Amino acid sequence: MDKLYYPAIMHPEDEGGYSVWLHDVSGCISQGETLPEAVENIKDALGLYYEDAAEGKSTLPAPSAPNGAELESGEFVVMIEFSPSEYLKASSTKAVKKTLSIPAWLNNMAEAQQLNFSAVLQSALVERLNAGLSE
């Protein structure tokens, strides 16, 4: 599940800006003063919904076709690109404690160099998994 594409319904407000919701994700609603702001805000709302789904609090439904929703006058559909892995990399700062074992000689060498074991492990995992944040 690298990227998902959800149809978002944009509703222009009389006083300006847009209300926006995802047809497929009940309760995933946001707004913005401009179209780009509304798109970014609904992505954030979807990210929060995704976090709940990842924790087992809800289920993230599969995206539907963009023509699956009934639109009122003036409304239109914008496709929202959402990458769960990119969202988590950008938003999750929660640290997870891991216990591991290394050979004593390697531990001694690393301590002599005053290496930060967590930083080295994180760096190695990002490199091994090719999980760097894309520009």
N, C-alpha and C. Protein backbone atom coordinates (compact mmCIF):
# COMPACT_ATOMS: atom_id res chain seq x y z
N MET A 1 0.85 -1.17 0.00
CA MET A 1 0.00 0.00 0.00
C MET A 1 0.90 1.24 0.00
N ASP A 2 1.40 1.61 -1.17
CA ASP A 2 2.30 2.76 -1.22
C ASP A 2 1.53 4.07 -1.31
N LYS A 3 0.65 4.19 -2.29
CA LYS A 3 -0.13 5.41 -2.43
C LYS A 3 -1.59 5.07 -2.66
N LEU A 4 -2.43 5.87 -2.06
CA LEU A 4 -3.87 5.72 -2.22
C LEU A 4 -4.40 7.02 -2.83
N TYR A 5 -5.46 6.91 -3.61
CA TYR A 5 -6.06 8.08 -4.25
C TYR A 5 -7.54 8.12 -3.90
N TYR A 6 -7.91 9.09 -3.06
CA TYR A 6 -9.28 9.22 -2.61
C TYR A 6 -9.95 10.41 -3.30
N PRO A 7 -11.21 10.24 -3.73
CA PRO A 7 -11.94 11.39 -4.25
C PRO A 7 -12.43 12.26 -3.09
N ALA A 8 -12.09 13.54 -3.15
CA ALA A 8 -12.54 14.51 -2.14
C ALA A 8 -13.59 15.41 -2.79
N ILE A 9 -14.66 15.62 -2.09
CA ILE A 9 -15.72 16.50 -2.58
C ILE A 9 -15.46 17.90 -2.05
N MET A 10 -15.30 18.83 -2.98
CA MET A 10 -15.07 20.23 -2.65
C MET A 10 -16.37 21.00 -2.78
N HIS A 11 -16.70 21.71 -1.73
CA HIS A 11 -17.92 22.52 -1.72
C HIS A 11 -17.52 23.98 -1.51
N PRO A 12 -17.61 24.81 -2.55
CA PRO A 12 -17.28 26.24 -2.38
C PRO A 12 -18.29 26.89 -1.42
N GLU A 13 -17.78 27.62 -0.44
CA GLU A 13 -18.64 28.30 0.53
C GLU A 13 -18.98 29.70 0.01
N ASP A 14 -20.19 30.18 0.33
CA ASP A 14 -20.64 31.49 -0.13
C ASP A 14 -19.72 32.61 0.36
N GLU A 15 -19.23 32.50 1.58
CA GLU A 15 -18.40 33.55 2.15
C GLU A 15 -16.91 33.38 1.78
N GLY A 16 -16.61 32.39 0.95
CA GLY A 16 -15.24 32.13 0.52
C GLY A 16 -14.69 30.86 1.13
N GLY A 17 -13.72 30.30 0.49
CA GLY A 17 -13.12 29.06 0.98
C GLY A 17 -13.91 27.84 0.55
N TYR A 18 -13.48 26.71 1.07
CA TYR A 18 -14.07 25.43 0.69
C TYR A 18 -14.27 24.54 1.90
N SER A 19 -15.38 23.84 1.91
CA SER A 19 -15.56 22.68 2.79
C SER A 19 -15.15 21.49 1.96
N VAL A 20 -14.58 20.48 2.60
CA VAL A 20 -14.11 19.31 1.85
C VAL A 20 -14.31 18.07 2.70
N TRP A 21 -14.70 16.99 2.06
CA TRP A 21 -14.83 15.71 2.76
C TRP A 21 -14.52 14.58 1.81
N LEU A 22 -14.17 13.45 2.40
CA LEU A 22 -13.88 12.26 1.60
C LEU A 22 -15.13 11.41 1.54
N HIS A 23 -15.56 11.14 0.35
CA HIS A 23 -16.76 10.34 0.10
C HIS A 23 -16.64 8.96 0.75
N ASP A 24 -15.44 8.39 0.76
CA ASP A 24 -15.24 7.02 1.22
C ASP A 24 -14.98 6.88 2.72
N VAL A 25 -14.58 7.97 3.37
CA VAL A 25 -14.15 7.89 4.77
C VAL A 25 -15.11 8.71 5.62
N SER A 26 -16.02 8.03 6.27
CA SER A 26 -17.05 8.69 7.06
C SER A 26 -16.43 9.55 8.16
N GLY A 27 -16.83 10.80 8.21
CA GLY A 27 -16.35 11.72 9.23
C GLY A 27 -15.04 12.40 8.91
N CYS A 28 -14.48 12.15 7.76
CA CYS A 28 -13.21 12.79 7.36
C CYS A 28 -13.56 14.08 6.63
N ILE A 29 -13.60 15.17 7.40
CA ILE A 29 -14.08 16.46 6.90
C ILE A 29 -13.07 17.53 7.27
N SER A 30 -12.93 18.54 6.41
CA SER A 30 -12.07 19.66 6.72
C SER A 30 -12.53 20.87 5.92
N GLN A 31 -11.69 21.90 5.87
CA GLN A 31 -12.00 23.10 5.11
C GLN A 31 -10.71 23.85 4.84
N GLY A 32 -10.79 24.87 4.03
CA GLY A 32 -9.64 25.71 3.74
C GLY A 32 -10.08 27.00 3.09
N GLU A 33 -9.29 28.05 3.29
CA GLU A 33 -9.59 29.34 2.67
C GLU A 33 -9.34 29.32 1.17
N THR A 34 -8.38 28.47 0.74
CA THR A 34 -8.07 28.33 -0.68
C THR A 34 -8.17 26.85 -1.04
N LEU A 35 -8.20 26.56 -2.34
CA LEU A 35 -8.26 25.16 -2.77
C LEU A 35 -7.03 24.39 -2.31
N PRO A 36 -5.79 24.91 -2.49
CA PRO A 36 -4.63 24.16 -2.00
C PRO A 36 -4.66 23.92 -0.49
N GLU A 37 -5.13 24.91 0.26
CA GLU A 37 -5.22 24.74 1.71
C GLU A 37 -6.24 23.67 2.08
N ALA A 38 -7.37 23.66 1.39
CA ALA A 38 -8.38 22.64 1.65
C ALA A 38 -7.85 21.25 1.34
N VAL A 39 -7.08 21.12 0.25
CA VAL A 39 -6.49 19.82 -0.12
C VAL A 39 -5.51 19.37 0.97
N GLU A 40 -4.63 20.26 1.41
CA GLU A 40 -3.67 19.89 2.46
C GLU A 40 -4.38 19.54 3.77
N ASN A 41 -5.43 20.27 4.11
CA ASN A 41 -6.15 20.01 5.35
C ASN A 41 -6.87 18.67 5.32
N ILE A 42 -7.43 18.29 4.17
CA ILE A 42 -8.11 16.99 4.11
C ILE A 42 -7.08 15.87 4.13
N LYS A 43 -5.88 16.10 3.60
CA LYS A 43 -4.81 15.10 3.71
C LYS A 43 -4.43 14.89 5.17
N ASP A 44 -4.35 15.99 5.93
CA ASP A 44 -4.05 15.88 7.36
C ASP A 44 -5.15 15.11 8.09
N ALA A 45 -6.39 15.41 7.75
CA ALA A 45 -7.52 14.70 8.38
C ALA A 45 -7.47 13.22 8.04
N LEU A 46 -7.14 12.89 6.80
CA LEU A 46 -7.01 11.49 6.39
C LEU A 46 -5.86 10.83 7.14
N GLY A 47 -4.77 11.56 7.34
CA GLY A 47 -3.64 11.02 8.10
C GLY A 47 -4.03 10.66 9.52
N LEU A 48 -4.80 11.52 10.17
CA LEU A 48 -5.27 11.22 11.53
C LEU A 48 -6.17 9.99 11.53
N TYR A 49 -7.02 9.89 10.53
CA TYR A 49 -7.88 8.73 10.40
C TYR A 49 -7.04 7.48 10.19
N TYR A 50 -5.99 7.60 9.39
CA TYR A 50 -5.09 6.47 9.13
C TYR A 50 -4.39 6.03 10.42
N GLU A 51 -3.95 6.99 11.24
CA GLU A 51 -3.31 6.64 12.51
C GLU A 51 -4.26 5.82 13.39
N ASP A 52 -5.52 6.24 13.46
CA ASP A 52 -6.50 5.48 14.23
C ASP A 52 -6.67 4.07 13.66
N ALA A 53 -6.68 3.96 12.34
CA ALA A 53 -6.83 2.64 11.70
C ALA A 53 -5.61 1.77 12.01
N ALA A 54 -4.42 2.36 12.00
CA ALA A 54 -3.19 1.61 12.28
C ALA A 54 -3.17 1.11 13.72
N GLU A 55 -3.84 1.83 14.63
CA GLU A 55 -3.92 1.43 16.03
C GLU A 55 -5.12 0.52 16.29
N GLY A 56 -5.86 0.16 15.26
CA GLY A 56 -7.01 -0.73 15.41
C GLY A 56 -8.27 -0.05 15.90
N LYS A 57 -8.29 1.29 15.94
CA LYS A 57 -9.46 2.02 16.41
C LYS A 57 -10.52 2.20 15.33
N SER A 58 -10.13 2.03 14.08
CA SER A 58 -11.06 2.16 12.95
C SER A 58 -10.46 1.40 11.77
N THR A 59 -11.20 1.39 10.69
CA THR A 59 -10.73 0.73 9.47
C THR A 59 -10.68 1.77 8.36
N LEU A 60 -9.57 1.80 7.64
CA LEU A 60 -9.45 2.73 6.52
C LEU A 60 -10.05 2.06 5.29
N PRO A 61 -11.15 2.60 4.79
CA PRO A 61 -11.79 1.98 3.62
C PRO A 61 -10.97 2.19 2.35
N ALA A 62 -11.17 1.31 1.41
CA ALA A 62 -10.52 1.42 0.11
C ALA A 62 -11.10 2.61 -0.63
N PRO A 63 -10.29 3.28 -1.44
CA PRO A 63 -10.81 4.40 -2.23
C PRO A 63 -11.77 3.91 -3.32
N SER A 64 -12.74 4.75 -3.64
CA SER A 64 -13.67 4.43 -4.72
C SER A 64 -13.30 5.23 -5.97
N ALA A 65 -14.05 5.02 -7.00
CA ALA A 65 -13.86 5.77 -8.24
C ALA A 65 -14.31 7.22 -8.03
N PRO A 66 -13.71 8.15 -8.74
CA PRO A 66 -14.06 9.57 -8.54
C PRO A 66 -15.50 9.91 -8.93
N ASN A 67 -16.14 9.07 -9.70
CA ASN A 67 -17.52 9.36 -10.10
C ASN A 67 -18.54 8.67 -9.21
N GLY A 68 -18.11 8.17 -8.04
CA GLY A 68 -19.00 7.42 -7.16
C GLY A 68 -19.87 8.26 -6.25
N ALA A 69 -19.62 9.55 -6.16
CA ALA A 69 -20.38 10.40 -5.23
C ALA A 69 -21.35 11.29 -5.99
N GLU A 70 -22.49 11.52 -5.36
CA GLU A 70 -23.45 12.47 -5.93
C GLU A 70 -23.04 13.87 -5.50
N LEU A 71 -23.00 14.79 -6.46
CA LEU A 71 -22.56 16.15 -6.17
C LEU A 71 -23.73 17.12 -6.23
N GLU A 72 -23.69 18.11 -5.37
CA GLU A 72 -24.67 19.19 -5.43
C GLU A 72 -24.13 20.26 -6.38
N SER A 73 -24.97 21.19 -6.72
CA SER A 73 -24.59 22.26 -7.64
C SER A 73 -23.36 23.00 -7.11
N GLY A 74 -22.36 23.17 -7.97
CA GLY A 74 -21.15 23.89 -7.61
C GLY A 74 -20.05 23.02 -7.02
N GLU A 75 -20.39 21.83 -6.56
CA GLU A 75 -19.38 20.94 -5.98
C GLU A 75 -18.57 20.26 -7.09
N PHE A 76 -17.37 19.87 -6.74
CA PHE A 76 -16.51 19.16 -7.68
C PHE A 76 -15.61 18.22 -6.91
N VAL A 77 -15.02 17.29 -7.64
CA VAL A 77 -14.16 16.27 -7.04
C VAL A 77 -12.70 16.58 -7.33
N VAL A 78 -11.88 16.45 -6.31
CA VAL A 78 -10.42 16.54 -6.45
C VAL A 78 -9.86 15.24 -5.91
N MET A 79 -8.95 14.64 -6.65
CA MET A 79 -8.33 13.40 -6.18
C MET A 79 -7.22 13.73 -5.19
N ILE A 80 -7.25 13.07 -4.06
CA ILE A 80 -6.28 13.27 -2.98
C ILE A 80 -5.31 12.11 -2.99
N GLU A 81 -4.03 12.41 -3.17
CA GLU A 81 -2.99 11.39 -3.11
C GLU A 81 -2.53 11.28 -1.66
N PHE A 82 -2.53 10.05 -1.14
CA PHE A 82 -2.13 9.83 0.24
C PHE A 82 -1.19 8.63 0.31
N SER A 83 -0.02 8.85 0.87
CA SER A 83 0.95 7.78 1.07
C SER A 83 1.07 7.53 2.57
N PRO A 84 0.54 6.41 3.06
CA PRO A 84 0.63 6.13 4.49
C PRO A 84 2.06 6.16 5.02
N SER A 85 3.01 5.59 4.28
CA SER A 85 4.39 5.56 4.77
C SER A 85 4.98 6.96 4.83
N GLU A 86 4.72 7.79 3.85
CA GLU A 86 5.23 9.16 3.88
C GLU A 86 4.57 9.96 5.00
N TYR A 87 3.28 9.74 5.23
CA TYR A 87 2.59 10.44 6.30
C TYR A 87 3.20 10.08 7.65
N LEU A 88 3.42 8.79 7.87
CA LEU A 88 3.99 8.37 9.15
C LEU A 88 5.40 8.92 9.35
N LYS A 89 6.20 8.92 8.30
CA LYS A 89 7.57 9.47 8.42
C LYS A 89 7.53 10.94 8.77
N ALA A 90 6.59 11.66 8.20
CA ALA A 90 6.52 13.10 8.41
C ALA A 90 5.87 13.48 9.73
N SER A 91 5.02 12.62 10.27
CA SER A 91 4.24 13.03 11.44
C SER A 91 4.52 12.25 12.71
N SER A 92 5.05 11.05 12.62
CA SER A 92 5.22 10.23 13.81
C SER A 92 6.59 10.44 14.42
N THR A 93 6.59 10.94 15.63
CA THR A 93 7.85 11.14 16.36
C THR A 93 7.94 10.22 17.56
N LYS A 94 6.99 9.33 17.70
CA LYS A 94 6.96 8.42 18.83
C LYS A 94 8.17 7.48 18.75
N ALA A 95 8.93 7.42 19.83
CA ALA A 95 10.08 6.52 19.89
C ALA A 95 9.64 5.17 20.44
N VAL A 96 10.23 4.12 19.93
CA VAL A 96 9.94 2.76 20.37
C VAL A 96 11.22 2.17 20.92
N LYS A 97 11.16 1.69 22.14
CA LYS A 97 12.34 1.11 22.77
C LYS A 97 12.55 -0.31 22.24
N LYS A 98 13.78 -0.60 21.85
CA LYS A 98 14.15 -1.93 21.36
C LYS A 98 15.32 -2.44 22.18
N THR A 99 15.27 -3.69 22.55
CA THR A 99 16.38 -4.34 23.23
C THR A 99 17.06 -5.23 22.21
N LEU A 100 18.39 -5.11 22.12
CA LEU A 100 19.11 -5.92 21.15
C LEU A 100 20.46 -6.32 21.72
N SER A 101 21.09 -7.23 21.05
CA SER A 101 22.40 -7.72 21.48
C SER A 101 23.42 -7.52 20.38
N ILE A 102 24.63 -7.13 20.78
CA ILE A 102 25.75 -7.02 19.85
C ILE A 102 26.96 -7.66 20.53
N PRO A 103 27.96 -8.05 19.76
CA PRO A 103 29.16 -8.63 20.36
C PRO A 103 29.86 -7.62 21.28
N ALA A 104 30.46 -8.11 22.35
CA ALA A 104 31.12 -7.24 23.33
C ALA A 104 32.22 -6.41 22.68
N TRP A 105 32.99 -7.02 21.77
CA TRP A 105 34.07 -6.27 21.14
C TRP A 105 33.55 -5.09 20.34
N LEU A 106 32.36 -5.26 19.69
CA LEU A 106 31.77 -4.18 18.92
C LEU A 106 31.25 -3.08 19.85
N ASN A 107 30.65 -3.50 20.94
CA ASN A 107 30.18 -2.56 21.95
C ASN A 107 31.34 -1.72 22.49
N ASN A 108 32.46 -2.37 22.80
CA ASN A 108 33.63 -1.67 23.34
C ASN A 108 34.16 -0.64 22.34
N MET A 109 34.25 -1.02 21.08
CA MET A 109 34.74 -0.10 20.05
C MET A 109 33.80 1.11 19.90
N ALA A 110 32.50 0.84 19.89
CA ALA A 110 31.52 1.92 19.73
C ALA A 110 31.53 2.86 20.93
N GLU A 111 31.62 2.31 22.13
CA GLU A 111 31.68 3.15 23.32
C GLU A 111 32.96 3.98 23.34
N ALA A 112 34.08 3.41 22.89
CA ALA A 112 35.34 4.15 22.83
C ALA A 112 35.22 5.34 21.89
N GLN A 113 34.41 5.21 20.85
CA GLN A 113 34.18 6.29 19.88
C GLN A 113 33.04 7.21 20.32
N GLN A 114 32.44 6.91 21.47
CA GLN A 114 31.31 7.67 22.02
C GLN A 114 30.15 7.79 21.02
N LEU A 115 29.87 6.66 20.36
CA LEU A 115 28.77 6.64 19.40
C LEU A 115 27.43 6.60 20.11
N ASN A 116 26.44 7.24 19.52
CA ASN A 116 25.07 7.17 20.00
C ASN A 116 24.43 5.96 19.32
N PHE A 117 24.20 4.90 20.08
CA PHE A 117 23.70 3.65 19.51
C PHE A 117 22.36 3.85 18.80
N SER A 118 21.46 4.64 19.39
CA SER A 118 20.15 4.86 18.77
C SER A 118 20.29 5.56 17.43
N ALA A 119 21.15 6.58 17.38
CA ALA A 119 21.33 7.31 16.12
C ALA A 119 21.94 6.42 15.05
N VAL A 120 22.89 5.59 15.43
CA VAL A 120 23.53 4.70 14.46
C VAL A 120 22.52 3.68 13.94
N LEU A 121 21.73 3.11 14.83
CA LEU A 121 20.74 2.12 14.42
C LEU A 121 19.69 2.76 13.51
N GLN A 122 19.20 3.94 13.87
CA GLN A 122 18.21 4.62 13.04
C GLN A 122 18.77 4.90 11.65
N SER A 123 19.98 5.41 11.60
CA SER A 123 20.61 5.72 10.32
C SER A 123 20.77 4.46 9.47
N ALA A 124 21.22 3.37 10.09
CA ALA A 124 21.41 2.12 9.36
C ALA A 124 20.08 1.57 8.84
N LEU A 125 19.03 1.66 9.65
CA LEU A 125 17.72 1.16 9.23
C LEU A 125 17.15 1.99 8.08
N VAL A 126 17.27 3.30 8.16
CA VAL A 126 16.79 4.17 7.09
C VAL A 126 17.51 3.83 5.79
N GLU A 127 18.84 3.64 5.88
CA GLU A 127 19.61 3.30 4.68
C GLU A 127 19.24 1.93 4.15
N ARG A 128 19.17 0.94 5.01
CA ARG A 128 18.88 -0.43 4.60
C ARG A 128 17.50 -0.55 3.98
N LEU A 129 16.53 0.17 4.56
CA LEU A 129 15.15 0.08 4.09
C LEU A 129 14.83 1.11 3.00
N ASN A 130 15.83 1.90 2.63
CA ASN A 130 15.61 2.96 1.65
C ASN A 130 14.40 3.79 2.05
N ALA A 131 14.40 4.20 3.33
CA ALA A 131 13.23 4.85 3.91
C ALA A 131 13.45 6.33 4.15
N GLY A 132 14.39 6.95 3.47
CA GLY A 132 14.61 8.39 3.62
C GLY A 132 13.42 9.16 3.11
N LEU A 133 13.19 10.32 3.71
CA LEU A 133 12.11 11.17 3.22
C LEU A 133 12.45 11.69 1.84
N SER A 134 11.53 11.53 0.93
CA SER A 134 11.77 12.03 -0.43
C SER A 134 11.60 13.53 -0.46
N GLU A 135 12.36 14.17 -1.29
CA GLU A 135 12.30 15.63 -1.44
C GLU A 135 11.19 16.01 -2.38
